[in-house]
Amino acid sequence: MTMSRDATGIDALRNYSEGRLSRGEAIQMLRIRDYAGLLVALGDAGFPSPPNSQAVVDADNNAFDIIWNAPRRS
């Protein structure tokens, strides 16, 4: 995948990385095919993945709690 490193592309990656732009908006602005391409573009530009929303964190915590506290099988 090749993405131009113009100011708009770098701004879109920065804004997505900082959580100010949705995944879909970033993909559309960068004119890339999918989320995998977005992750590659983030890495190539040196930006981290955006933080998870609180809803995702809560769901992950709930799933962990259910699994951790499940009855043990012998």
Protein backbone atom coordinates (compact mmCIF):
# COMPACT_ATOMS: atom_id res chain seq x y z
CA MET A 1 0.00 0.00 0.00
CA THR A 2 1.29 3.42 -0.88
CA MET A 3 -0.05 6.55 0.68
CA SER A 4 1.14 10.02 -0.07
CA ARG A 5 2.63 11.81 2.89
CA ASP A 6 0.85 15.10 2.20
CA ALA A 7 -0.29 17.37 5.03
CA THR A 8 -3.91 16.18 4.76
CA GLY A 9 -2.88 12.52 5.07
CA ILE A 10 -0.61 13.17 8.04
CA ASP A 11 -3.30 15.28 9.73
CA ALA A 12 -5.87 12.53 9.19
CA LEU A 13 -3.55 9.93 10.72
CA ARG A 14 -2.73 12.19 13.66
CA ASN A 15 -6.40 12.97 14.28
CA TYR A 16 -7.38 9.29 14.07
CA SER A 17 -4.52 8.31 16.38
CA GLU A 18 -5.63 10.89 18.94
CA GLY A 19 -9.28 9.79 18.75
CA ARG A 20 -10.60 12.90 17.01
CA LEU A 21 -11.50 11.09 13.79
CA SER A 22 -13.45 7.86 13.38
CA ARG A 23 -12.02 4.80 11.67
CA GLY A 24 -14.39 5.21 8.72
CA GLU A 25 -13.61 8.90 8.34
CA ALA A 26 -9.88 8.22 8.36
CA ILE A 27 -10.18 5.45 5.78
CA GLN A 28 -12.26 7.69 3.53
CA MET A 29 -9.97 10.71 3.89
CA LEU A 30 -6.87 8.64 3.20
CA ARG A 31 -8.55 6.78 0.32
CA ILE A 32 -7.35 3.42 1.58
CA ARG A 33 -9.21 0.14 1.29
CA ASP A 34 -9.75 -1.08 4.84
CA TYR A 35 -8.78 -1.04 8.51
CA ALA A 36 -5.68 -3.14 7.86
CA GLY A 37 -4.44 -0.45 5.47
CA LEU A 38 -5.16 2.19 8.08
CA LEU A 39 -3.09 0.31 10.67
CA VAL A 40 -0.19 0.01 8.23
CA ALA A 41 -0.40 3.73 7.41
CA LEU A 42 -0.40 4.58 11.14
CA GLY A 43 2.68 2.46 11.71
CA ASP A 44 4.49 3.79 8.65
CA ALA A 45 3.88 7.36 9.85
CA GLY A 46 4.94 6.53 13.42
CA PHE A 47 1.55 7.09 15.07
CA PRO A 48 0.11 4.75 17.73
CA SER A 49 -3.33 3.17 17.46
CA PRO A 50 -6.05 5.27 19.07
CA PRO A 51 -7.16 4.50 22.62
CA ASN A 52 -10.21 2.29 23.06
CA SER A 53 -13.47 3.94 24.03
CA GLN A 54 -14.68 3.47 27.59
CA ALA A 55 -17.48 1.21 26.30
CA VAL A 56 -14.93 -1.16 24.74
CA VAL A 57 -12.83 -1.16 27.91
CA ASP A 58 -15.91 -1.89 30.03
CA ALA A 59 -16.99 -4.74 27.73
CA ASP A 60 -13.50 -6.27 27.83
CA ASN A 61 -13.42 -6.01 31.61
CA ASN A 62 -16.83 -7.66 31.86
CA ALA A 63 -15.79 -10.52 29.56
CA PHE A 64 -12.61 -11.07 31.59
CA ASP A 65 -14.60 -11.09 34.84
CA ILE A 66 -17.02 -13.71 33.47
CA ILE A 67 -14.20 -15.95 32.24
CA TRP A 68 -12.06 -15.52 35.37
CA ASN A 69 -14.94 -16.31 37.71
CA ALA A 70 -16.39 -19.19 35.69
CA PRO A 71 -16.66 -22.52 37.53
CA ARG A 72 -13.52 -24.60 37.14
CA ARG A 73 -13.84 -27.95 35.40
CA SER A 74 -11.90 -30.88 36.79
